Amino acid sequence: MKILRTIPEVRSAVRDARAAGRTVGLVPTMGAFHDGHLSLMRAARAATDLVVVSLFVNPTQFGPTEDLAAYPRDEARDAALAEQQGVDILFAPEPAEIYPDGFATNIHVAEVTEVLDGASRGAFHFDGVATVVTKLFGIVRPDVAFFGQKDAQQVLVIRRVVRDLDLDVRIEACPIVREPDGLAMSSRNVYLDADARQQATALNHALDAAAQLHASGERDAARIVAAAERVLADAGIRPDHLELRSNDDLSPLTHVDRDALLAVAARVGAARLIDNHILIAEPAATGIRPEAHQRGGE
């Protein structure tokens, strides 16, 4: 595996691969790898010939009170894990490589960034995500880019960027990877002490309770959300948001007559955690259980 630091180095390596007729996969990350990240690398390895993983803690998606300085960083560990997954290139640039002096461009996606995390964290977050991912697409020119379904709103934002800007890249959203007790894997889980770690399992339990109610035939959005709210309240968790929205465009739902995203964000101990379940509109007709979509990204 090559560790590359500059944009020209990456472009040269990708150019050589394309000249040999190889397809290119990209896994954008901020490091602190866990099995969610590794599952994306494995998916990229299985689907493409040249696997590029970016390792860049993107400063523009952090607010002034958020955890940029404290965000976990261990490049040597991450590089070893990436190499074990068969990654070909680890692109680990310095901030000045991505944002040189005079950088003045910002990509803002309307509507889908204005709710859920966009409402609770601020528009800057998804502006930062959209801008850096678009830069990575321009640098790597991947055939396929792999993202984790845990960041469901981020996936929708990136899909909208690709659609609106006619970018020639396919977006692959991979399933959430969970700990044995159901907690979604996250780089921020390292911030949890033992008590908070146990409390955090309520996020997935709450989503499961709502999904089970939906699977039983309930279609009223308020009742489905209320089932999750009760579990969180019993665990002493007050969410930043807990909402049921259309899985296509994040429009609000009062009745679940289409595929829906049930998304939660909450501060548990020292960490702000997110999770989600996708509720399939007619599970009985499709033969797919809602929870089947939650096992398996980031």
Protein backbone atom coordinates (compact mmCIF):
# COMPACT_ATOMS: atom_id res chain seq x y z
CA MET A 1 0.00 0.00 0.00
CA LYS A 2 1.21 3.50 -0.88
CA ILE A 3 0.69 6.43 1.49
CA LEU A 4 0.42 9.56 -0.64
CA ARG A 5 0.31 13.15 0.62
CA THR A 6 -0.20 15.31 -2.45
CA ILE A 7 -2.84 15.70 -5.12
CA PRO A 8 -0.38 15.25 -8.03
CA GLU A 9 0.81 11.95 -6.55
CA VAL A 10 -2.73 10.61 -6.32
CA ARG A 11 -3.65 11.78 -9.81
CA SER A 12 -0.55 10.16 -11.26
CA ALA A 13 -1.29 6.83 -9.57
CA VAL A 14 -4.92 6.86 -10.70
CA ARG A 15 -3.90 7.87 -14.23
CA ASP A 16 -1.58 4.87 -14.45
CA ALA A 17 -4.33 2.55 -13.19
CA ARG A 18 -6.82 3.86 -15.72
CA ALA A 19 -4.30 3.49 -18.53
CA ALA A 20 -4.15 -0.19 -17.57
CA GLY A 21 -7.94 -0.44 -17.78
CA ARG A 22 -8.51 -0.66 -14.01
CA THR A 23 -11.60 0.67 -12.21
CA VAL A 24 -11.20 2.98 -9.22
CA GLY A 25 -13.01 2.93 -5.88
CA LEU A 26 -12.86 5.67 -3.25
CA VAL A 27 -13.62 5.43 0.46
CA PRO A 28 -13.62 8.93 2.01
CA THR A 29 -12.84 8.85 5.75
CA MET A 30 -11.62 10.97 8.64
CA GLY A 31 -9.63 8.09 10.10
CA ALA A 32 -9.94 6.46 13.53
CA PHE A 33 -10.89 3.30 11.68
CA HIS A 34 -13.32 0.75 13.09
CA ASP A 35 -15.01 -2.19 11.42
CA GLY A 36 -17.56 0.13 9.83
CA HIS A 37 -14.79 1.81 7.85
CA LEU A 38 -13.15 -1.53 7.14
CA SER A 39 -16.41 -2.90 5.73
CA LEU A 40 -16.42 -0.03 3.22
CA MET A 41 -12.85 -0.89 2.23
CA ARG A 42 -13.80 -4.53 1.78
CA ALA A 43 -16.76 -3.51 -0.39
CA ALA A 44 -14.49 -1.32 -2.49
CA ARG A 45 -11.91 -4.11 -2.77
CA ALA A 46 -14.57 -6.52 -4.00
CA ALA A 47 -16.05 -4.10 -6.54
CA THR A 48 -13.10 -2.16 -7.99
CA ASP A 49 -9.52 -2.74 -9.11
CA LEU A 50 -7.75 0.21 -7.44
CA VAL A 51 -8.92 1.13 -3.93
CA VAL A 52 -8.15 4.63 -2.68
CA VAL A 53 -8.94 5.54 0.94
CA SER A 54 -8.71 9.18 1.94
CA LEU A 55 -7.72 9.94 5.53
CA PHE A 56 -8.43 13.58 6.22
CA VAL A 57 -9.99 15.17 9.30
CA ASN A 58 -11.89 17.86 7.45
CA PRO A 59 -11.84 21.10 9.48
CA THR A 60 -14.63 22.80 7.54
CA GLN A 61 -17.33 20.41 8.79
CA PHE A 62 -16.62 21.15 12.47
CA GLY A 63 -18.23 24.03 14.33
CA PRO A 64 -16.36 26.26 16.79
CA THR A 65 -17.65 24.28 19.79
CA GLU A 66 -17.15 20.83 18.22
CA ASP A 67 -14.41 18.27 18.65
CA LEU A 68 -11.91 19.00 15.83
CA ALA A 69 -8.87 19.24 18.12
CA ALA A 70 -9.92 16.19 20.13
CA TYR A 71 -10.97 14.06 17.16
CA PRO A 72 -9.07 10.74 17.43
CA ARG A 73 -6.02 10.49 15.17
CA ASP A 74 -3.62 7.56 14.78
CA GLU A 75 -2.34 7.38 11.23
CA ALA A 76 0.02 4.46 11.83
CA ARG A 77 -2.79 2.32 13.22
CA ASP A 78 -5.17 3.36 10.45
CA ALA A 79 -2.57 2.65 7.76
CA ALA A 80 -1.96 -0.85 9.13
CA LEU A 81 -5.69 -1.61 9.17
CA ALA A 82 -6.18 -0.26 5.65
CA GLU A 83 -3.32 -2.35 4.33
CA GLN A 84 -4.86 -5.46 5.89
CA GLN A 85 -8.02 -4.82 3.84
CA GLY A 86 -6.04 -4.69 0.60
CA VAL A 87 -6.23 -0.92 0.12
CA ASP A 88 -3.89 0.26 -2.63
CA ILE A 89 -3.55 3.96 -1.80
CA LEU A 90 -4.02 5.83 1.48
CA PHE A 91 -4.35 9.52 0.64
CA ALA A 92 -3.41 11.40 3.83
CA PRO A 93 -2.97 15.07 2.93
CA GLU A 94 -2.25 18.03 5.16
CA PRO A 95 -5.07 20.63 5.43
CA ALA A 96 -3.10 23.07 3.25
CA GLU A 97 -3.09 20.51 0.44
CA ILE A 98 -6.88 20.45 0.36
CA TYR A 99 -7.48 24.08 1.34
CA PRO A 100 -4.55 26.14 -0.02
CA ASP A 101 -4.20 29.85 0.67
CA GLY A 102 -7.00 31.76 -0.98
CA PHE A 103 -9.43 28.83 -1.09
CA ALA A 104 -12.86 30.47 -1.39
CA THR A 105 -15.30 27.91 -2.79
CA ASN A 106 -18.15 26.42 -0.81
CA ILE A 107 -20.75 23.91 -2.00
CA HIS A 108 -24.17 24.30 -0.40
CA VAL A 109 -26.99 21.83 -1.01
CA ALA A 110 -30.40 23.26 -0.20
CA GLU A 111 -33.35 21.52 1.48
CA VAL A 112 -31.82 18.18 2.51
CA THR A 113 -29.21 20.01 4.62
CA GLU A 114 -31.75 22.14 6.49
CA VAL A 115 -33.26 19.42 8.70
CA LEU A 116 -32.00 16.76 11.16
CA ASP A 117 -28.24 17.29 11.62
CA GLY A 118 -28.34 20.37 9.44
CA ALA A 119 -30.83 21.97 11.81
CA SER A 120 -29.10 20.90 15.02
CA ARG A 121 -25.46 21.39 13.96
CA GLY A 122 -25.80 24.14 11.35
CA ALA A 123 -25.55 24.36 7.58
CA PHE A 124 -21.74 24.67 7.77
CA HIS A 125 -21.48 20.94 8.54
CA PHE A 126 -22.92 19.65 5.28
CA ASP A 127 -21.35 22.52 3.33
CA GLY A 128 -17.99 21.24 4.59
CA VAL A 129 -18.87 17.64 3.75
CA ALA A 130 -20.14 18.48 0.26
CA THR A 131 -17.13 20.64 -0.53
CA VAL A 132 -14.45 18.20 0.60
CA VAL A 133 -16.11 15.18 -0.99
CA THR A 134 -16.49 17.05 -4.28
CA LYS A 135 -12.79 17.91 -4.10
CA LEU A 136 -11.95 14.25 -3.49
CA PHE A 137 -14.07 13.25 -6.47
CA GLY A 138 -12.14 15.75 -8.59
CA ILE A 139 -8.79 14.45 -7.32
CA VAL A 140 -9.44 10.70 -7.51
CA ARG A 141 -12.11 10.57 -10.26
CA PRO A 142 -13.50 7.31 -8.83
CA ASP A 143 -15.92 5.04 -10.65
CA VAL A 144 -17.59 4.21 -7.33
CA ALA A 145 -17.46 5.93 -3.93
CA PHE A 146 -18.43 4.06 -0.76
CA PHE A 147 -20.18 5.61 2.24
CA GLY A 148 -21.73 4.24 5.43
CA GLN A 149 -25.50 4.24 5.86
CA LYS A 150 -25.06 5.40 9.47
CA ASP A 151 -24.52 8.87 8.01
CA ALA A 152 -27.75 8.61 6.04
CA GLN A 153 -28.26 12.35 5.61
CA GLN A 154 -24.69 12.73 4.38
CA VAL A 155 -25.34 10.04 1.77
CA LEU A 156 -28.41 11.92 0.54
CA VAL A 157 -26.41 15.16 0.36
CA ILE A 158 -23.66 13.53 -1.68
CA ARG A 159 -26.17 11.87 -4.00
CA ARG A 160 -27.73 15.31 -4.61
CA VAL A 161 -24.31 16.84 -5.37
CA VAL A 162 -23.57 14.05 -7.85
CA ARG A 163 -26.96 14.44 -9.51
CA ASP A 164 -26.99 18.23 -9.67
CA LEU A 165 -23.38 18.63 -10.83
CA ASP A 166 -23.52 15.65 -13.24
CA LEU A 167 -20.53 13.98 -11.61
CA ASP A 168 -19.58 10.66 -13.17
CA VAL A 169 -19.39 8.57 -10.00
CA ARG A 170 -21.70 5.96 -8.52
CA ILE A 171 -22.50 6.28 -4.82
CA GLU A 172 -22.68 3.03 -2.89
CA ALA A 173 -24.21 3.19 0.59
CA CYS A 174 -23.13 0.23 2.73
CA PRO A 175 -25.07 -1.12 5.74
CA ILE A 176 -24.49 0.06 9.30
CA VAL A 177 -22.06 -2.09 11.25
CA ARG A 178 -22.98 -2.57 14.90
CA GLU A 179 -21.40 -3.82 18.08
CA PRO A 180 -22.87 -7.08 19.46
CA ASP A 181 -25.17 -5.02 21.74
CA GLY A 182 -26.49 -3.02 18.79
CA LEU A 183 -24.56 0.23 19.21
CA ALA A 184 -23.64 1.62 15.81
CA MET A 185 -19.88 1.71 15.35
CA SER A 186 -18.50 5.24 15.39
CA SER A 187 -15.13 6.89 15.84
CA ARG A 188 -16.75 8.94 18.60
CA ASN A 189 -17.55 5.84 20.66
CA VAL A 190 -14.06 6.15 22.15
CA TYR A 191 -15.33 9.19 24.08
CA LEU A 192 -17.81 7.04 26.05
CA ASP A 193 -17.01 5.92 29.59
CA ALA A 194 -18.50 2.64 30.84
CA ASP A 195 -21.79 4.17 32.02
CA ALA A 196 -22.28 6.24 28.87
CA ARG A 197 -21.38 3.26 26.71
CA GLN A 198 -24.19 1.26 28.30
CA GLN A 199 -26.62 4.18 28.05
CA ALA A 200 -25.81 4.64 24.36
CA THR A 201 -27.30 1.25 23.49
CA ALA A 202 -30.71 2.87 24.02
CA LEU A 203 -30.39 4.62 20.66
CA ASN A 204 -30.63 1.39 18.69
CA HIS A 205 -33.15 -0.08 21.14
CA ALA A 206 -35.36 2.97 20.53
CA LEU A 207 -35.11 2.61 16.78
CA ASP A 208 -35.83 -1.12 17.07
CA ALA A 209 -38.97 -0.41 19.11
CA ALA A 210 -40.23 1.97 16.44
CA ALA A 211 -39.34 -0.46 13.65
CA GLN A 212 -41.19 -3.28 15.40
CA LEU A 213 -44.29 -1.12 15.75
CA HIS A 214 -44.08 -0.26 12.05
CA ALA A 215 -43.62 -3.93 11.14
CA SER A 216 -46.77 -4.76 13.11
CA GLY A 217 -48.76 -2.54 10.75
CA GLU A 218 -48.64 0.90 12.37
CA ARG A 219 -48.36 3.67 9.79
CA ASP A 220 -48.99 6.77 11.89
CA ALA A 221 -45.65 8.61 12.06
CA ALA A 222 -46.33 10.23 15.41
CA ARG A 223 -47.07 6.89 17.07
CA ILE A 224 -43.97 5.29 15.57
CA VAL A 225 -41.76 8.13 16.79
CA ALA A 226 -43.41 8.05 20.21
CA ALA A 227 -42.40 4.38 20.62
CA ALA A 228 -38.77 5.40 20.19
CA GLU A 229 -39.14 8.45 22.43
CA ARG A 230 -40.31 6.28 25.32
CA VAL A 231 -37.20 4.09 25.14
CA LEU A 232 -34.91 7.12 25.08
CA ALA A 233 -36.74 8.75 27.97
CA ASP A 234 -36.45 5.58 30.06
CA ALA A 235 -32.68 5.68 29.42
CA GLY A 236 -32.42 9.33 30.40
CA ILE A 237 -31.55 10.48 26.87
CA ARG A 238 -32.92 13.70 25.45
CA PRO A 239 -32.26 13.63 21.69
CA ASP A 240 -31.12 16.55 19.57
CA HIS A 241 -33.54 15.15 17.05
CA LEU A 242 -35.65 12.05 16.60
CA GLU A 243 -37.62 12.28 13.37
CA LEU A 244 -39.29 10.16 10.74
CA ARG A 245 -38.82 11.51 7.22
CA SER A 246 -38.99 10.35 3.64
CA ASN A 247 -35.93 8.32 2.77
CA ASP A 248 -35.75 9.99 -0.65
CA ASP A 249 -35.72 13.70 0.13
CA LEU A 250 -36.14 14.03 3.94
CA SER A 251 -39.57 15.60 3.57
CA PRO A 252 -41.68 15.23 6.74
CA LEU A 253 -44.11 12.34 7.04
CA THR A 254 -47.35 12.05 8.97
CA HIS A 255 -48.19 8.66 7.46
CA VAL A 256 -45.60 6.08 6.43
CA ASP A 257 -46.70 5.31 2.88
CA ARG A 258 -43.18 5.19 1.42
CA ASP A 259 -39.72 4.14 2.53
CA ALA A 260 -38.89 6.25 5.58
CA LEU A 261 -35.76 7.22 7.49
CA LEU A 262 -36.07 7.18 11.28
CA ALA A 263 -33.05 9.19 12.44
CA VAL A 264 -31.79 10.06 15.89
CA ALA A 265 -28.95 12.20 17.23
CA ALA A 266 -28.20 12.60 20.92
CA ARG A 267 -25.41 13.57 23.25
CA VAL A 268 -24.52 10.64 25.48
CA GLY A 269 -21.78 11.35 27.98
CA ALA A 270 -18.98 13.14 26.12
CA ALA A 271 -20.08 12.01 22.65
CA ARG A 272 -22.69 13.16 20.19
CA LEU A 273 -23.97 10.01 18.47
CA ILE A 274 -26.21 9.39 15.48
CA ASP A 275 -28.10 6.33 14.30
CA ASN A 276 -30.96 5.46 11.99
CA HIS A 277 -33.23 2.74 10.71
CA ILE A 278 -34.90 2.58 7.31
CA LEU A 279 -38.53 1.57 7.49
CA ILE A 280 -39.68 -0.17 4.33
CA ALA A 281 -43.11 0.97 3.23
CA GLU A 282 -44.66 -2.47 2.82
CA PRO A 283 -42.48 -5.09 4.50
CA ALA A 284 -45.15 -7.78 4.24
CA ALA A 285 -45.37 -7.33 0.47
CA THR A 286 -41.62 -7.24 -0.14
CA GLY A 287 -40.72 -9.96 2.32
CA ILE A 288 -38.01 -7.72 3.80
CA ARG A 289 -37.95 -7.09 7.52
CA PRO A 290 -37.02 -3.47 8.41
CA GLU A 291 -34.25 -4.57 10.78
CA ALA A 292 -32.63 -6.56 7.97
CA HIS A 293 -31.44 -3.25 6.55
CA GLN A 294 -29.59 -2.33 9.72
CA ARG A 295 -27.08 -5.13 10.04
CA GLY A 296 -24.10 -5.39 8.15
CA GLY A 297 -20.85 0.84 6.86
CA GLU A 298 -19.78 3.31 9.13
